[in-house]
Structures are given as structure tokens and as C-alpha cells.
Amino acid sequence: MQNVNVQDVFNKVIDCNIYPEEPFMCNALFIACEESIISDAEYFEAKAAVDAYIGEHVSLRVLLKHVFKDESAIEFTNRTDEWAASYGVDFYRNWENRPAWKKLGD
């Protein structure tokens, strides 16, 4: 079994400009895997990390909007593609320091 560093996977996808051109990281990971930029193992590990963090929310932008309860903040009023280019790249480049949050029911 391959040991996967999720941060390295995100960096590969960003370095190839798949993300933020595709503004949803899970979709960008799939494209990178289809284009053999990342392996199947890297795809599944990175997608699992995003899914575990986002939970049932439709996107990272929507999750953070609800977590921080500041829907008027400029970073949350952008469309997803604008948010990905303006904020998402930095977020995924700094994955280990992403904001912690408590899921509903925890």
C-alpha cells in the first residue's frame, strides 16, 4: 500500500492548474487522476480527506460560510470559481492548518 501525503497531492493538482480551473477540489482530483497526474491511491486518499472535512456540505466555501457564520464576509460572497481562485488555493496549499470545526451532533 502506497503512503500518501495529501498535501503533496493537493500541491500537484494546484501546480498543474487543474484546481482552481475546476473550482471543486474533488472534481479536480478526479481530473488529475484521469490525466495520470496523480495515482488512484492519491486520488482516493485526498478525496477522502476532503470528504471527511466537508461532511455533507456541497463545497468547502459553503462549509466555511456556515462554520464562521459570517455570510457577508467578502470571501463568502464570491461564486465558487472566484472563491477557489482567490481563497481556495491558499486553503489547500496550507491544508494542515485548516480551521478546525465541530460537526453537527458532535
PDB file of N, CA and C in Angstrom:
ATOM      1  N   MET A   1       0.837  -1.188   0.000  1.00  0.00           N
ATOM      2  CA  MET A   1       0.000   0.000   0.000  1.00  0.00           C
ATOM      3  C   MET A   1       0.881   1.251   0.000  1.00  0.00           C
ATOM      4  N   GLN A   2       0.533   2.182  -0.841  1.00  0.00           N
ATOM      5  CA  GLN A   2       1.290   3.417  -1.004  1.00  0.00           C
ATOM      6  C   GLN A   2       0.976   4.388   0.130  1.00  0.00           C
ATOM      7  N   ASN A   3       2.025   4.986   0.712  1.00  0.00           N
ATOM      8  CA  ASN A   3       1.839   6.010   1.723  1.00  0.00           C
ATOM      9  C   ASN A   3       1.592   7.334   1.010  1.00  0.00           C
ATOM     10  N   VAL A   4       0.447   7.951   1.228  1.00  0.00           N
ATOM     11  CA  VAL A   4       0.045   9.152   0.507  1.00  0.00           C
ATOM     12  C   VAL A   4       0.133  10.370   1.414  1.00  0.00           C
ATOM     13  N   ASN A   5       0.814  11.397   0.939  1.00  0.00           N
ATOM     14  CA  ASN A   5       0.855  12.685   1.616  1.00  0.00           C
ATOM     15  C   ASN A   5      -0.180  13.567   0.919  1.00  0.00           C
ATOM     16  N   VAL A   6      -1.285  13.807   1.581  1.00  0.00           N
ATOM     17  CA  VAL A   6      -2.395  14.541   0.988  1.00  0.00           C
ATOM     18  C   VAL A   6      -1.962  15.941   0.561  1.00  0.00           C
ATOM     19  N   GLN A   7      -1.120  16.581   1.352  1.00  0.00           N
ATOM     20  CA  GLN A   7      -0.654  17.928   0.979  1.00  0.00           C
ATOM     21  C   GLN A   7       0.077  17.893  -0.355  1.00  0.00           C
ATOM     22  N   ASP A   8       0.919  16.879  -0.571  1.00  0.00           N
ATOM     23  CA  ASP A   8       1.621  16.753  -1.848  1.00  0.00           C
ATOM     24  C   ASP A   8       0.642  16.567  -3.004  1.00  0.00           C
ATOM     25  N   VAL A   9      -0.422  15.827  -2.763  1.00  0.00           N
ATOM     26  CA  VAL A   9      -1.435  15.607  -3.806  1.00  0.00           C
ATOM     27  C   VAL A   9      -2.107  16.922  -4.159  1.00  0.00           C
ATOM     28  N   PHE A  10      -2.539  17.681  -3.154  1.00  0.00           N
ATOM     29  CA  PHE A  10      -3.164  18.983  -3.420  1.00  0.00           C
ATOM     30  C   PHE A  10      -2.204  19.886  -4.188  1.00  0.00           C
ATOM     31  N   ASN A  11      -0.945  19.893  -3.780  1.00  0.00           N
ATOM     32  CA  ASN A  11       0.043  20.734  -4.465  1.00  0.00           C
ATOM     33  C   ASN A  11       0.198  20.353  -5.932  1.00  0.00           C
ATOM     34  N   LYS A  12       0.217  19.064  -6.231  1.00  0.00           N
ATOM     35  CA  LYS A  12       0.318  18.619  -7.630  1.00  0.00           C
ATOM     36  C   LYS A  12      -0.860  19.128  -8.452  1.00  0.00           C
ATOM     37  N   VAL A  13      -2.040  19.003  -7.909  1.00  0.00           N
ATOM     38  CA  VAL A  13      -3.252  19.402  -8.618  1.00  0.00           C
ATOM     39  C   VAL A  13      -3.271  20.917  -8.839  1.00  0.00           C
ATOM     40  N   ILE A  14      -2.814  21.667  -7.854  1.00  0.00           N
ATOM     41  CA  ILE A  14      -2.748  23.129  -7.975  1.00  0.00           C
ATOM     42  C   ILE A  14      -1.628  23.528  -8.932  1.00  0.00           C
ATOM     43  N   ASP A  15      -0.470  22.889  -8.813  1.00  0.00           N
ATOM     44  CA  ASP A  15       0.661  23.232  -9.674  1.00  0.00           C
ATOM     45  C   ASP A  15       0.343  23.032 -11.151  1.00  0.00           C
ATOM     46  N   CYS A  16      -0.513  22.075 -11.448  1.00  0.00           N
ATOM     47  CA  CYS A  16      -0.930  21.815 -12.837  1.00  0.00           C
ATOM     48  C   CYS A  16      -2.104  22.700 -13.248  1.00  0.00           C
ATOM     49  N   ASN A  17      -2.557  23.554 -12.352  1.00  0.00           N
ATOM     50  CA  ASN A  17      -3.667  24.479 -12.571  1.00  0.00           C
ATOM     51  C   ASN A  17      -5.000  23.771 -12.858  1.00  0.00           C
ATOM     52  N   ILE A  18      -5.083  22.516 -12.461  1.00  0.00           N
ATOM     53  CA  ILE A  18      -6.379  21.850 -12.582  1.00  0.00           C
ATOM     54  C   ILE A  18      -7.329  22.474 -11.564  1.00  0.00           C
ATOM     55  N   TYR A  19      -6.831  22.664 -10.344  1.00  0.00           N
ATOM     56  CA  TYR A  19      -7.526  23.481  -9.351  1.00  0.00           C
ATOM     57  C   TYR A  19      -6.770  24.794  -9.298  1.00  0.00           C
ATOM     58  N   PRO A  20      -7.363  25.919  -9.469  1.00  0.00           N
ATOM     59  CA  PRO A  20      -8.771  26.271  -9.373  1.00  0.00           C
ATOM     60  C   PRO A  20      -9.520  26.337 -10.712  1.00  0.00           C
ATOM     61  N   GLU A  21      -8.872  25.948 -11.823  1.00  0.00           N
ATOM     62  CA  GLU A  21      -9.629  25.969 -13.083  1.00  0.00           C
ATOM     63  C   GLU A  21     -10.919  25.161 -12.937  1.00  0.00           C
ATOM     64  N   GLU A  22     -10.814  23.987 -12.305  1.00  0.00           N
ATOM     65  CA  GLU A  22     -12.000  23.239 -11.866  1.00  0.00           C
ATOM     66  C   GLU A  22     -12.171  23.617 -10.404  1.00  0.00           C
ATOM     67  N   PRO A  23     -13.202  24.413 -10.052  1.00  0.00           N
ATOM     68  CA  PRO A  23     -13.259  25.010  -8.721  1.00  0.00           C
ATOM     69  C   PRO A  23     -13.699  24.098  -7.579  1.00  0.00           C
ATOM     70  N   PHE A  24     -13.998  22.855  -7.850  1.00  0.00           N
ATOM     71  CA  PHE A  24     -14.318  21.911  -6.781  1.00  0.00           C
ATOM     72  C   PHE A  24     -13.152  20.930  -6.683  1.00  0.00           C
ATOM     73  N   MET A  25     -12.486  20.895  -5.537  1.00  0.00           N
ATOM     74  CA  MET A  25     -11.277  20.092  -5.398  1.00  0.00           C
ATOM     75  C   MET A  25     -11.533  18.617  -5.695  1.00  0.00           C
ATOM     76  N   CYS A  26     -12.640  18.064  -5.257  1.00  0.00           N
ATOM     77  CA  CYS A  26     -12.884  16.639  -5.533  1.00  0.00           C
ATOM     78  C   CYS A  26     -12.948  16.373  -7.034  1.00  0.00           C
ATOM     79  N   ASN A  27     -13.572  17.264  -7.783  1.00  0.00           N
ATOM     80  CA  ASN A  27     -13.598  17.122  -9.237  1.00  0.00           C
ATOM     81  C   ASN A  27     -12.208  17.304  -9.828  1.00  0.00           C
ATOM     82  N   ALA A  28     -11.454  18.256  -9.297  1.00  0.00           N
ATOM     83  CA  ALA A  28     -10.090  18.493  -9.775  1.00  0.00           C
ATOM     84  C   ALA A  28      -9.216  17.264  -9.518  1.00  0.00           C
ATOM     85  N   LEU A  29      -9.392  16.628  -8.378  1.00  0.00           N
ATOM     86  CA  LEU A  29      -8.640  15.408  -8.078  1.00  0.00           C
ATOM     87  C   LEU A  29      -8.967  14.310  -9.089  1.00  0.00           C
ATOM     88  N   PHE A  30     -10.239  14.175  -9.416  1.00  0.00           N
ATOM     89  CA  PHE A  30     -10.656  13.164 -10.391  1.00  0.00           C
ATOM     90  C   PHE A  30     -10.004  13.430 -11.752  1.00  0.00           C
ATOM     91  N   ILE A  31     -10.024  14.671 -12.187  1.00  0.00           N
ATOM     92  CA  ILE A  31      -9.411  15.036 -13.471  1.00  0.00           C
ATOM     93  C   ILE A  31      -7.919  14.732 -13.442  1.00  0.00           C
ATOM     94  N   ALA A  32      -7.254  15.085 -12.348  1.00  0.00           N
ATOM     95  CA  ALA A  32      -5.812  14.830 -12.227  1.00  0.00           C
ATOM     96  C   ALA A  32      -5.515  13.335 -12.280  1.00  0.00           C
ATOM     97  N   CYS A  33      -6.376  12.547 -11.695  1.00  0.00           N
ATOM     98  CA  CYS A  33      -6.202  11.092 -11.732  1.00  0.00           C
ATOM     99  C   CYS A  33      -6.421  10.573 -13.150  1.00  0.00           C
ATOM    100  N   GLU A  34      -7.458  11.046 -13.809  1.00  0.00           N
ATOM    101  CA  GLU A  34      -7.744  10.633 -15.186  1.00  0.00           C
ATOM    102  C   GLU A  34      -6.598  11.006 -16.126  1.00  0.00           C
ATOM    103  N   GLU A  35      -5.922  12.118 -15.842  1.00  0.00           N
ATOM    104  CA  GLU A  35      -4.804  12.584 -16.672  1.00  0.00           C
ATOM    105  C   GLU A  35      -3.464  12.024 -16.192  1.00  0.00           C
ATOM    106  N   SER A  36      -3.501  11.086 -15.251  1.00  0.00           N
ATOM    107  CA  SER A  36      -2.312  10.414 -14.699  1.00  0.00           C
ATOM    108  C   SER A  36      -1.325  11.375 -14.038  1.00  0.00           C
ATOM    109  N   ILE A  37      -1.842  12.457 -13.501  1.00  0.00           N
ATOM    110  CA  ILE A  37      -1.007  13.393 -12.740  1.00  0.00           C
ATOM    111  C   ILE A  37      -0.848  12.887 -11.310  1.00  0.00           C
ATOM    112  N   ILE A  38      -1.900  12.258 -10.820  1.00  0.00           N
ATOM    113  CA  ILE A  38      -1.854  11.607  -9.513  1.00  0.00           C
ATOM    114  C   ILE A  38      -2.310  10.163  -9.694  1.00  0.00           C
ATOM    115  N   SER A  39      -1.906   9.315  -8.766  1.00  0.00           N
ATOM    116  CA  SER A  39      -2.281   7.900  -8.823  1.00  0.00           C
ATOM    117  C   SER A  39      -3.690   7.692  -8.272  1.00  0.00           C
ATOM    118  N   ASP A  40      -4.216   6.507  -8.493  1.00  0.00           N
ATOM    119  CA  ASP A  40      -5.519   6.165  -7.915  1.00  0.00           C
ATOM    120  C   ASP A  40      -5.479   6.273  -6.397  1.00  0.00           C
ATOM    121  N   ALA A  41      -4.396   5.783  -5.788  1.00  0.00           N
ATOM    122  CA  ALA A  41      -4.270   5.838  -4.328  1.00  0.00           C
ATOM    123  C   ALA A  41      -4.258   7.285  -3.847  1.00  0.00           C
ATOM    124  N   GLU A  42      -3.539   8.152  -4.560  1.00  0.00           N
ATOM    125  CA  GLU A  42      -3.505   9.570  -4.180  1.00  0.00           C
ATOM    126  C   GLU A  42      -4.893  10.189  -4.315  1.00  0.00           C
ATOM    127  N   TYR A  43      -5.590   9.856  -5.386  1.00  0.00           N
ATOM    128  CA  TYR A  43      -6.948  10.369  -5.585  1.00  0.00           C
ATOM    129  C   TYR A  43      -7.846   9.972  -4.413  1.00  0.00           C
ATOM    130  N   PHE A  44      -7.869   8.688  -4.097  1.00  0.00           N
ATOM    131  CA  PHE A  44      -8.778   8.210  -3.062  1.00  0.00           C
ATOM    132  C   PHE A  44      -8.435   8.787  -1.685  1.00  0.00           C
ATOM    133  N   GLU A  45      -7.161   8.885  -1.361  1.00  0.00           N
ATOM    134  CA  GLU A  45      -6.759   9.436  -0.053  1.00  0.00           C
ATOM    135  C   GLU A  45      -7.104  10.922   0.048  1.00  0.00           C
ATOM    136  N   ALA A  46      -6.792  11.691  -0.990  1.00  0.00           N
ATOM    137  CA  ALA A  46      -7.063  13.127  -0.952  1.00  0.00           C
ATOM    138  C   ALA A  46      -8.566  13.400  -0.953  1.00  0.00           C
ATOM    139  N   LYS A  47      -9.308  12.671  -1.759  1.00  0.00           N
ATOM    140  CA  LYS A  47     -10.765  12.844  -1.793  1.00  0.00           C
ATOM    141  C   LYS A  47     -11.375  12.482  -0.442  1.00  0.00           C
ATOM    142  N   ALA A  48     -10.889  11.417   0.172  1.00  0.00           N
ATOM    143  CA  ALA A  48     -11.386  11.024   1.491  1.00  0.00           C
ATOM    144  C   ALA A  48     -11.108  12.113   2.520  1.00  0.00           C
ATOM    145  N   ALA A  49      -9.954  12.754   2.421  1.00  0.00           N
ATOM    146  CA  ALA A  49      -9.616  13.836   3.354  1.00  0.00           C
ATOM    147  C   ALA A  49     -10.565  15.019   3.177  1.00  0.00           C
ATOM    148  N   VAL A  50     -10.833  15.387   1.926  1.00  0.00           N
ATOM    149  CA  VAL A  50     -11.763  16.490   1.663  1.00  0.00           C
ATOM    150  C   VAL A  50     -13.160  16.115   2.138  1.00  0.00           C
ATOM    151  N   ASP A  51     -13.612  14.923   1.781  1.00  0.00           N
ATOM    152  CA  ASP A  51     -14.953  14.479   2.186  1.00  0.00           C
ATOM    153  C   ASP A  51     -15.101  14.447   3.702  1.00  0.00           C
ATOM    154  N   ALA A  52     -14.069  13.984   4.391  1.00  0.00           N
ATOM    155  CA  ALA A  52     -14.124  13.923   5.858  1.00  0.00           C
ATOM    156  C   ALA A  52     -14.205  15.327   6.453  1.00  0.00           C
ATOM    157  N   TYR A  53     -13.545  16.270   5.843  1.00  0.00           N
ATOM    158  CA  TYR A  53     -13.546  17.642   6.358  1.00  0.00           C
ATOM    159  C   TYR A  53     -14.863  18.349   6.034  1.00  0.00           C
ATOM    160  N   ILE A  54     -15.326  18.214   4.807  1.00  0.00           N
ATOM    161  CA  ILE A  54     -16.526  18.925   4.369  1.00  0.00           C
ATOM    162  C   ILE A  54     -17.791  18.288   4.918  1.00  0.00           C
ATOM    163  N   GLY A  55     -17.799  16.981   5.043  1.00  0.00           N
ATOM    164  CA  GLY A  55     -19.002  16.297   5.508  1.00  0.00           C
ATOM    165  C   GLY A  55     -20.099  16.390   4.475  1.00  0.00           C
ATOM    166  N   GLU A  56     -21.274  16.761   4.881  1.00  0.00           N
ATOM    167  CA  GLU A  56     -22.431  16.804   3.990  1.00  0.00           C
ATOM    168  C   GLU A  56     -22.564  18.116   3.233  1.00  0.00           C
ATOM    169  N   HIS A  57     -21.658  19.052   3.432  1.00  0.00           N
ATOM    170  CA  HIS A  57     -21.742  20.339   2.743  1.00  0.00           C
ATOM    171  C   HIS A  57     -21.381  20.164   1.272  1.00  0.00           C
ATOM    172  N   VAL A  58     -21.948  21.001   0.440  1.00  0.00           N
ATOM    173  CA  VAL A  58     -21.760  20.877  -1.001  1.00  0.00           C
ATOM    174  C   VAL A  58     -20.344  21.276  -1.429  1.00  0.00           C
ATOM    175  N   SER A  59     -19.729  22.181  -0.698  1.00  0.00           N
ATOM    176  CA  SER A  59     -18.384  22.635  -1.064  1.00  0.00           C
ATOM    177  C   SER A  59     -17.685  23.199   0.162  1.00  0.00           C
ATOM    178  N   LEU A  60     -16.399  23.348   0.046  1.00  0.00           N
ATOM    179  CA  LEU A  60     -15.612  23.938   1.125  1.00  0.00           C
ATOM    180  C   LEU A  60     -16.069  25.359   1.408  1.00  0.00           C
ATOM    181  N   ARG A  61     -16.327  26.128   0.372  1.00  0.00           N
ATOM    182  CA  ARG A  61     -16.779  27.506   0.546  1.00  0.00           C
ATOM    183  C   ARG A  61     -18.067  27.550   1.356  1.00  0.00           C
ATOM    184  N   VAL A  62     -19.008  26.685   1.052  1.00  0.00           N
ATOM    185  CA  VAL A  62     -20.286  26.639   1.783  1.00  0.00           C
ATOM    186  C   VAL A  62     -20.061  26.206   3.229  1.00  0.00           C
ATOM    187  N   LEU A  63     -19.208  25.199   3.431  1.00  0.00           N
ATOM    188  CA  LEU A  63     -18.900  24.760   4.790  1.00  0.00           C
ATOM    189  C   LEU A  63     -18.354  25.912   5.621  1.00  0.00           C
ATOM    190  N   LEU A  64     -17.336  26.588   5.107  1.00  0.00           N
ATOM    191  CA  LEU A  64     -16.711  27.658   5.879  1.00  0.00           C
ATOM    192  C   LEU A  64     -17.674  28.815   6.118  1.00  0.00           C
ATOM    193  N   LYS A  65     -18.542  29.055   5.175  1.00  0.00           N
ATOM    194  CA  LYS A  65     -19.564  30.090   5.344  1.00  0.00           C
ATOM    195  C   LYS A  65     -20.435  29.773   6.562  1.00  0.00           C
ATOM    196  N   HIS A  66     -20.820  28.512   6.720  1.00  0.00           N
ATOM    197  CA  HIS A  66     -21.663  28.116   7.848  1.00  0.00           C
ATOM    198  C   HIS A  66     -20.875  28.026   9.155  1.00  0.00           C
ATOM    199  N   VAL A  67     -19.653  27.560   9.079  1.00  0.00           N
ATOM    200  CA  VAL A  67     -18.824  27.428  10.280  1.00  0.00           C
ATOM    201  C   VAL A  67     -18.564  28.791  10.902  1.00  0.00           C
ATOM    202  N   PHE A  68     -18.212  29.760  10.068  1.00  0.00           N
ATOM    203  CA  PHE A  68     -17.846  31.069  10.594  1.00  0.00           C
ATOM    204  C   PHE A  68     -19.027  32.017  10.724  1.00  0.00           C
ATOM    205  N   LYS A  69     -20.193  31.614  10.214  1.00  0.00           N
ATOM    206  CA  LYS A  69     -21.440  32.367  10.392  1.00  0.00           C
ATOM    207  C   LYS A  69     -21.338  33.822   9.948  1.00  0.00           C
ATOM    208  N   ASP A  70     -20.433  34.105   9.035  1.00  0.00           N
ATOM    209  CA  ASP A  70     -20.293  35.472   8.543  1.00  0.00           C
ATOM    210  C   ASP A  70     -20.546  35.460   7.044  1.00  0.00           C
ATOM    211  N   GLU A  71     -21.813  35.401   6.687  1.00  0.00           N
ATOM    212  CA  GLU A  71     -22.178  35.274   5.288  1.00  0.00           C
ATOM    213  C   GLU A  71     -21.938  36.552   4.502  1.00  0.00           C
ATOM    214  N   SER A  72     -21.680  37.647   5.187  1.00  0.00           N
ATOM    215  CA  SER A  72     -21.423  38.902   4.470  1.00  0.00           C
ATOM    216  C   SER A  72     -19.943  39.088   4.166  1.00  0.00           C
ATOM    217  N   ALA A  73     -19.086  38.289   4.785  1.00  0.00           N
ATOM    218  CA  ALA A  73     -17.649  38.438   4.551  1.00  0.00           C
ATOM    219  C   ALA A  73     -17.358  38.240   3.067  1.00  0.00           C
ATOM    220  N   ILE A  74     -16.494  39.054   2.535  1.00  0.00           N
ATOM    221  CA  ILE A  74     -16.221  39.053   1.092  1.00  0.00           C
ATOM    222  C   ILE A  74     -15.802  37.674   0.589  1.00  0.00           C
ATOM    223  N   GLU A  75     -15.073  36.930   1.389  1.00  0.00           N
ATOM    224  CA  GLU A  75     -14.619  35.622   0.915  1.00  0.00           C
ATOM    225  C   GLU A  75     -15.754  34.620   0.763  1.00  0.00           C
ATOM    226  N   PHE A  76     -16.921  34.921   1.298  1.00  0.00           N
ATOM    227  CA  PHE A  76     -18.048  34.005   1.186  1.00  0.00           C
ATOM    228  C   PHE A  76     -19.114  34.496   0.214  1.00  0.00           C
ATOM    229  N   THR A  77     -18.987  35.707  -0.283  1.00  0.00           N
ATOM    230  CA  THR A  77     -19.973  36.224  -1.219  1.00  0.00           C
ATOM    231  C   THR A  77     -19.596  35.919  -2.664  1.00  0.00           C
ATOM    232  N   ASN A  78     -18.377  35.508  -2.899  1.00  0.00           N
ATOM    233  CA  ASN A  78     -17.934  35.159  -4.248  1.00  0.00           C
ATOM    234  C   ASN A  78     -18.593  33.872  -4.723  1.00  0.00           C
ATOM    235  N   ARG A  79     -18.690  33.717  -6.047  1.00  0.00           N
ATOM    236  CA  ARG A  79     -19.091  32.433  -6.622  1.00  0.00           C
ATOM    237  C   ARG A  79     -17.985  31.424  -6.332  1.00  0.00           C
ATOM    238  N   THR A  80     -18.303  30.150  -6.443  1.00  0.00           N
ATOM    239  CA  THR A  80     -17.329  29.101  -6.126  1.00  0.00           C
ATOM    240  C   THR A  80     -16.071  29.225  -6.960  1.00  0.00           C
ATOM    241  N   ASP A  81     -16.180  29.515  -8.253  1.00  0.00           N
ATOM    242  CA  ASP A  81     -14.982  29.634  -9.084  1.00  0.00           C
ATOM    243  C   ASP A  81     -14.120  30.817  -8.656  1.00  0.00           C
ATOM    244  N   GLU A  82     -14.751  31.929  -8.276  1.00  0.00           N
ATOM    245  CA  GLU A  82     -13.998  33.088  -7.780  1.00  0.00           C
ATOM    246  C   GLU A  82     -13.349  32.767  -6.443  1.00  0.00           C
ATOM    247  N   TRP A  83     -14.091  32.079  -5.580  1.00  0.00           N
ATOM    248  CA  TRP A  83     -13.572  31.725  -4.264  1.00  0.00           C
ATOM    249  C   TRP A  83     -12.375  30.798  -4.399  1.00  0.00           C
ATOM    250  N   ALA A  84     -12.470  29.816  -5.284  1.00  0.00           N
ATOM    251  CA  ALA A  84     -11.371  28.861  -5.470  1.00  0.00           C
ATOM    252  C   ALA A  84     -10.096  29.572  -5.868  1.00  0.00           C
ATOM    253  N   ALA A  85     -10.198  30.495  -6.814  1.00  0.00           N
ATOM    254  CA  ALA A  85      -9.018  31.215  -7.288  1.00  0.00           C
ATOM    255  C   ALA A  85      -8.479  32.184  -6.234  1.00  0.00           C
ATOM    256  N   SER A  86      -9.374  32.831  -5.508  1.00  0.00           N
ATOM    257  CA  SER A  86      -8.950  33.856  -4.546  1.00  0.00           C
ATOM    258  C   SER A  86      -8.558  33.318  -3.180  1.00  0.00           C
ATOM    259  N   TYR A  87      -9.225  32.264  -2.716  1.00  0.00           N
ATOM    260  CA  TYR A  87      -9.009  31.756  -1.365  1.00  0.00           C
ATOM    261  C   TYR A  87      -8.710  30.266  -1.299  1.00  0.00           C
ATOM    262  N   GLY A  88      -9.311  29.510  -2.184  1.00  0.00           N
ATOM    263  CA  GLY A  88      -9.186  28.055  -2.138  1.00  0.00           C
ATOM    264  C   GLY A  88      -7.771  27.551  -2.337  1.00  0.00           C
ATOM    265  N   VAL A  89      -7.036  28.167  -3.250  1.00  0.00           N
ATOM    266  CA  VAL A  89      -5.656  27.730  -3.488  1.00  0.00           C
ATOM    267  C   VAL A  89      -4.849  27.836  -2.206  1.00  0.00           C
ATOM    268  N   ASP A  90      -4.930  28.973  -1.532  1.00  0.00           N
ATOM    269  CA  ASP A  90      -4.195  29.145  -0.266  1.00  0.00           C
ATOM    270  C   ASP A  90      -4.664  28.145   0.782  1.00  0.00           C
ATOM    271  N   PHE A  91      -5.970  27.911   0.827  1.00  0.00           N
ATOM    272  CA  PHE A  91      -6.515  26.962   1.797  1.00  0.00           C
ATOM    273  C   PHE A  91      -5.914  25.580   1.577  1.00  0.00           C
ATOM    274  N   TYR A  92      -5.948  25.087   0.344  1.00  0.00           N
ATOM    275  CA  TYR A  92      -5.434  23.741   0.061  1.00  0.00           C
ATOM    276  C   TYR A  92      -3.911  23.680   0.124  1.00  0.00           C
ATOM    277  N   ARG A  93      -3.229  24.771  -0.152  1.00  0.00           N
ATOM    278  CA  ARG A  93      -1.768  24.789  -0.010  1.00  0.00           C
ATOM    279  C   ARG A  93      -1.362  24.727   1.460  1.00  0.00           C
ATOM    280  N   ASN A  94      -2.267  25.057   2.328  1.00  0.00           N
ATOM    281  CA  ASN A  94      -1.996  25.100   3.767  1.00  0.00           C
ATOM    282  C   ASN A  94      -2.951  24.154   4.504  1.00  0.00           C
ATOM    283  N   TRP A  95      -3.184  22.998   3.920  1.00  0.00           N
ATOM    284  CA  TRP A  95      -4.171  22.032   4.408  1.00  0.00           C
ATOM    285  C   TRP A  95      -3.985  21.690   5.885  1.00  0.00           C
ATOM    286  N   GLU A  96      -2.770  21.499   6.321  1.00  0.00           N
ATOM    287  CA  GLU A  96      -2.520  21.102   7.715  1.00  0.00           C
ATOM    288  C   GLU A  96      -2.974  22.157   8.719  1.00  0.00           C
ATOM    289  N   ASN A  97      -3.103  23.408   8.272  1.00  0.00           N
ATOM    290  CA  ASN A  97      -3.513  24.488   9.172  1.00  0.00           C
ATOM    291  C   ASN A  97      -4.934  24.961   8.909  1.00  0.00           C
ATOM    292  N   ARG A  98      -5.737  24.107   8.288  1.00  0.00           N
ATOM    293  CA  ARG A  98      -7.131  24.473   8.017  1.00  0.00           C
ATOM    294  C   ARG A  98      -7.873  24.643   9.343  1.00  0.00           C
ATOM    295  N   PRO A  99      -8.894  25.473   9.341  1.00  0.00           N
ATOM    296  CA  PRO A  99      -9.637  25.697  10.581  1.00  0.00           C
ATOM    297  C   PRO A  99     -10.317  24.408  11.055  1.00  0.00           C
ATOM    298  N   ALA A 100     -10.228  24.177  12.336  1.00  0.00           N
ATOM    299  CA  ALA A 100     -10.939  23.045  12.933  1.00  0.00           C
ATOM    300  C   ALA A 100     -12.383  23.474  13.126  1.00  0.00           C
ATOM    301  N   TRP A 101     -13.268  22.536  13.038  1.00  0.00           N
ATOM    302  CA  TRP A 101     -14.671  22.830  13.303  1.00  0.00           C
ATOM    303  C   TRP A 101     -15.332  21.588  13.819  1.00  0.00           C
ATOM    304  N   LYS A 102     -16.402  21.778  14.526  1.00  0.00           N
ATOM    305  CA  LYS A 102     -17.124  20.658  15.140  1.00  0.00           C
ATOM    306  C   LYS A 102     -18.364  20.367  14.318  1.00  0.00           C
ATOM    307  N   LYS A 103     -18.480  19.131  13.852  1.00  0.00           N
ATOM    308  CA  LYS A 103     -19.634  18.735  13.054  1.00  0.00           C
ATOM    309  C   LYS A 103     -20.888  18.730  13.913  1.00  0.00           C
ATOM    310  N   LEU A 104     -22.021  18.973  13.266  1.00  0.00           N
ATOM    311  CA  LEU A 104     -23.296  18.921  13.972  1.00  0.00           C
ATOM    312  C   LEU A 104     -23.458  17.548  14.628  1.00  0.00           C
ATOM    313  N   GLY A 105     -23.884  17.535  15.835  1.00  0.00           N
ATOM    314  CA  GLY A 105     -24.095  16.288  16.556  1.00  0.00           C
ATOM    315  C   GLY A 105     -22.865  15.801  17.303  1.00  0.00           C
ATOM    316  N   ASP A 106     -21.725  16.444  17.102  1.00  0.00           N
ATOM    317  CA  ASP A 106     -20.502  16.039  17.829  1.00  0.00           C
ATOM    318  C   ASP A 106     -20.481  16.659  19.203  1.00  0.00           C
TER     319      ASP A 106
END
